[in-house]
């Protein structure tokens, strides 16, 4: 019998946001494949879970993916977790999930927090239809090209960005999309959680005075 790959959602900040089912699965599986084992250990220690951890991140060698797949084929149950939120959303877990499907390994989704949905609902923007773009390209020319494509998008658009590039992204959005009102959310569920809803020019002025910190989500 093949083992099951459990896709376990974990808190995006506040460790109390873990579900009871997620805790049970993490306790019962044979091992946990984590994007960053050091980060995941903080969560496991809080809930007194002692399990073997193996790393699976974007720069993992392909043989690490094969190692996990082989363990599943041997009957081991493995929980896949990301640093925060739902595995497979803007993280390398997608590659492992895809391989598991190709090898007909059973999957089980353990739902829970995901930053994009939390940001959407607090943004005040329409929630009926939306599109998730994740992180745009590191290259300015490619970012601007994508923003141009999204300029006339009628659905709400959700973007991820780091504190190091949020100001640059806002300037490019202003140039390409005009001075529209958006929402910028940072550090969701954490101590310094902040939601700002205003025109792009006003947000740029704010960040010219206040250094951006933490992880950002822009909702357009």
Protein backbone atom coordinates (compact mmCIF):
# COMPACT_ATOMS: atom_id res chain seq x y z
CA UNK A 1 0.00 0.00 0.00
CA UNK A 2 1.29 3.44 -0.91
CA UNK A 3 1.38 6.11 1.75
CA UNK A 4 -0.62 9.31 1.62
CA UNK A 5 0.75 12.78 0.97
CA UNK A 6 -1.09 15.16 3.30
CA UNK A 7 -1.08 18.78 2.11
CA UNK A 8 -1.28 20.55 5.45
CA UNK A 9 -2.05 24.26 5.75
CA UNK A 10 -0.21 25.99 8.59
CA UNK A 11 -0.57 29.46 10.18
CA UNK A 12 0.49 32.51 8.15
CA UNK A 13 1.66 34.25 11.33
CA UNK A 14 -0.26 33.60 14.51
CA UNK A 15 0.49 30.02 15.57
CA UNK A 16 -2.96 29.72 17.18
CA UNK A 17 -4.51 29.57 13.69
CA UNK A 18 -3.60 25.88 13.26
CA UNK A 19 -6.61 23.59 12.95
CA UNK A 20 -7.29 20.62 15.20
CA UNK A 21 -7.21 18.28 12.20
CA UNK A 22 -3.85 19.66 11.07
CA UNK A 23 -2.40 19.03 14.52
CA UNK A 24 -3.71 15.45 14.52
CA UNK A 25 -2.28 14.74 11.07
CA UNK A 26 1.12 16.21 11.97
CA UNK A 27 1.21 13.93 15.01
CA UNK A 28 0.16 10.82 13.11
CA UNK A 29 2.25 10.94 9.91
CA UNK A 30 5.60 9.21 9.64
CA UNK A 31 7.46 12.37 8.69
CA UNK A 32 7.02 15.99 7.60
CA UNK A 33 8.42 17.54 4.40
CA UNK A 34 8.95 21.24 5.13
CA UNK A 35 9.96 24.24 3.06
CA UNK A 36 12.20 25.36 5.94
CA UNK A 37 12.68 22.81 8.72
CA UNK A 38 13.84 25.48 11.17
CA UNK A 39 10.66 27.48 10.64
CA UNK A 40 8.41 24.43 10.93
CA UNK A 41 10.15 23.28 14.10
CA UNK A 42 8.91 26.43 15.87
CA UNK A 43 5.33 25.34 15.17
CA UNK A 44 5.97 21.72 16.12
CA UNK A 45 7.67 22.69 19.39
CA UNK A 46 4.72 24.86 20.38
CA UNK A 47 2.40 21.86 20.12
CA UNK A 48 4.85 19.24 21.42
CA UNK A 49 5.05 17.36 18.12
CA UNK A 50 8.21 15.34 17.63
CA UNK A 51 8.49 14.10 14.06
CA UNK A 52 11.27 13.53 11.57
CA UNK A 53 11.65 16.62 9.37
CA UNK A 54 13.01 16.60 5.81
CA UNK A 55 13.55 19.76 3.79
CA UNK A 56 11.83 20.40 0.48
CA UNK A 57 12.38 23.88 -0.89
CA UNK A 58 12.78 25.66 -4.23
CA UNK A 59 16.49 24.87 -4.53
CA UNK A 60 16.23 21.25 -3.43
CA UNK A 61 17.93 18.82 -5.75
CA UNK A 62 15.59 16.68 -7.82
CA UNK A 63 16.76 13.61 -5.90
CA UNK A 64 15.13 15.03 -2.75
CA UNK A 65 11.79 15.01 -4.53
CA UNK A 66 12.47 11.44 -5.67
CA UNK A 67 13.40 10.51 -2.09
CA UNK A 68 10.03 11.74 -0.80
CA UNK A 69 8.15 9.98 -3.60
CA UNK A 70 9.98 6.71 -2.90
CA UNK A 71 9.13 6.93 0.80
CA UNK A 72 5.47 7.40 -0.12
CA UNK A 73 5.65 4.38 -2.43
CA UNK A 74 7.06 2.36 0.49
CA UNK A 75 3.92 3.14 2.49
CA UNK A 76 5.10 6.12 4.54
CA UNK A 77 2.54 8.82 5.27
CA UNK A 78 4.09 12.27 4.79
CA UNK A 79 2.78 15.75 5.61
CA UNK A 80 3.82 18.52 3.26
CA UNK A 81 3.97 21.98 4.85
CA UNK A 82 5.17 25.38 3.67
CA UNK A 83 6.63 28.17 5.80
CA UNK A 84 3.17 29.72 6.03
CA UNK A 85 -0.27 29.01 4.63
CA UNK A 86 -1.27 26.37 2.11
CA UNK A 87 1.46 24.29 0.40
CA UNK A 88 1.58 24.65 -3.37
CA UNK A 89 0.54 28.31 -3.38
CA UNK A 90 3.58 30.31 -4.53
CA UNK A 91 5.94 27.69 -3.10
CA UNK A 92 7.83 24.61 -4.36
CA UNK A 93 5.31 22.18 -2.84
CA UNK A 94 3.55 22.22 -6.20
CA UNK A 95 6.38 20.18 -7.73
CA UNK A 96 6.04 17.43 -5.15
CA UNK A 97 2.24 17.39 -5.45
CA UNK A 98 2.51 17.10 -9.24
CA UNK A 99 4.95 14.19 -8.97
CA UNK A 100 2.72 12.42 -6.44
CA UNK A 101 -0.24 12.67 -8.82
CA UNK A 102 1.86 11.28 -11.69
CA UNK A 103 2.81 8.31 -9.48
CA UNK A 104 -0.80 7.79 -8.40
CA UNK A 105 -0.03 8.46 -4.76
CA UNK A 106 -3.08 9.34 -2.64
CA UNK A 107 -3.41 13.00 -1.66
CA UNK A 108 -5.34 14.56 1.20
CA UNK A 109 -5.79 18.32 1.59
CA UNK A 110 -5.93 19.58 5.17
CA UNK A 111 -7.41 23.06 4.68
CA UNK A 112 -6.52 26.10 6.71
CA UNK A 113 -5.05 29.59 6.42
CA UNK A 114 -3.95 31.13 3.15
CA UNK A 115 -2.74 34.72 3.01
CA UNK A 116 -4.37 35.65 -0.28
CA UNK A 117 -7.93 34.96 0.92
CA UNK A 118 -7.39 36.71 4.25
CA UNK A 119 -6.00 39.76 2.44
CA UNK A 120 -8.88 39.77 -0.02
CA UNK A 121 -11.59 39.80 2.63
CA UNK A 122 -10.03 42.65 4.64
CA UNK A 123 -9.17 44.72 1.57
CA UNK A 124 -12.71 45.94 0.99
CA UNK A 125 -12.42 45.06 -2.70
CA UNK A 126 -15.01 42.92 -4.53
CA UNK A 127 -14.67 39.26 -3.60
CA UNK A 128 -17.08 37.65 -6.08
CA UNK A 129 -14.41 37.20 -8.75
CA UNK A 130 -10.67 37.56 -8.29
CA UNK A 131 -7.37 36.53 -9.84
CA UNK A 132 -4.23 35.61 -7.91
CA UNK A 133 -0.95 36.60 -9.58
CA UNK A 134 1.44 35.79 -6.74
CA UNK A 135 4.90 37.34 -7.07
CA UNK A 136 5.53 39.18 -10.33
CA UNK A 137 8.91 38.90 -12.07
CA UNK A 138 12.03 40.33 -10.44
CA UNK A 139 12.74 42.14 -13.69
CA UNK A 140 11.15 45.58 -14.01
CA UNK A 141 10.41 45.21 -17.73
CA UNK A 142 8.54 41.95 -17.20
CA UNK A 143 6.63 43.35 -14.21
CA UNK A 144 5.49 46.37 -16.21
CA UNK A 145 4.43 44.13 -19.09
CA UNK A 146 2.34 42.02 -16.71
CA UNK A 147 0.82 45.10 -15.08
CA UNK A 148 -0.10 46.40 -18.53
CA UNK A 149 -1.85 43.09 -19.16
CA UNK A 150 -3.73 43.40 -15.85
CA UNK A 151 -4.59 47.07 -16.33
CA UNK A 152 -8.09 46.40 -17.65
CA UNK A 153 -8.75 43.27 -15.60
CA UNK A 154 -12.32 43.47 -14.25
CA UNK A 155 -11.71 40.99 -11.45
CA UNK A 156 -9.95 41.91 -8.22
CA UNK A 157 -6.21 41.24 -8.58
CA UNK A 158 -4.04 39.94 -5.72
CA UNK A 159 -0.25 40.30 -5.75
CA UNK A 160 2.46 39.22 -3.31
CA UNK A 161 5.54 41.39 -2.78
CA UNK A 162 8.50 41.69 -0.43
CA UNK A 163 9.33 44.74 1.67
CA UNK A 164 12.38 45.32 -0.53
CA UNK A 165 10.35 45.79 -3.72
CA UNK A 166 6.94 47.05 -2.62
CA UNK A 167 7.79 50.71 -3.29
CA UNK A 168 9.15 49.88 -6.74
CA UNK A 169 6.02 47.87 -7.50
CA UNK A 170 3.75 50.73 -6.41
CA UNK A 171 5.64 53.19 -8.64
CA UNK A 172 5.26 50.86 -11.61
CA UNK A 173 1.58 50.38 -10.84
CA UNK A 174 1.11 54.16 -10.75
CA UNK A 175 2.85 54.54 -14.11
CA UNK A 176 0.98 51.71 -15.81
CA UNK A 177 -2.42 51.60 -14.11
CA UNK A 178 -2.90 55.20 -13.00
CA UNK A 179 -3.60 56.56 -9.54
CA UNK A 180 -6.31 54.12 -8.55
CA UNK A 181 -7.33 53.13 -5.03
CA UNK A 182 -5.89 49.85 -3.82
CA UNK A 183 -5.33 48.02 -0.55
CA UNK A 184 -1.90 47.10 0.78
CA UNK A 185 -1.78 44.58 3.61
CA UNK A 186 1.29 43.52 5.56
CA UNK A 187 2.12 41.05 8.33
CA UNK A 188 -1.32 39.41 8.39
CA UNK A 189 -2.25 37.87 11.79
CA UNK A 190 1.03 39.08 13.30
CA UNK A 191 1.72 41.73 15.95
CA UNK A 192 2.30 44.50 13.41
CA UNK A 193 -0.54 43.63 11.04
CA UNK A 194 -1.53 46.64 8.98
CA UNK A 195 -4.09 47.33 6.26
CA UNK A 196 -3.90 50.52 4.21
CA UNK A 197 -6.59 51.42 1.70
CA UNK A 198 -5.81 54.50 -0.41
CA UNK A 199 -4.67 55.82 -3.76
CA UNK A 200 -1.32 54.55 -4.97
CA UNK A 201 0.22 58.04 -4.77
CA UNK A 202 -0.79 58.36 -1.11
CA UNK A 203 0.67 54.95 -0.30
CA UNK A 204 3.92 55.89 -2.03
CA UNK A 205 4.12 59.05 0.06
CA UNK A 206 3.55 56.98 3.20
CA UNK A 207 6.34 54.53 2.38
CA UNK A 208 8.70 57.38 1.56
CA UNK A 209 8.42 58.32 5.24
CA UNK A 210 7.95 54.88 6.81
CA UNK A 211 10.34 52.08 5.85
CA UNK A 212 8.41 49.05 4.52
CA UNK A 213 8.79 46.00 6.73
CA UNK A 214 7.43 42.48 6.52
CA UNK A 215 5.62 40.65 3.75
CA UNK A 216 3.13 42.57 1.61
CA UNK A 217 -0.02 41.79 -0.35
CA UNK A 218 -1.48 44.29 -2.81
CA UNK A 219 -5.16 44.01 -3.70
CA UNK A 220 -6.17 45.93 -6.83
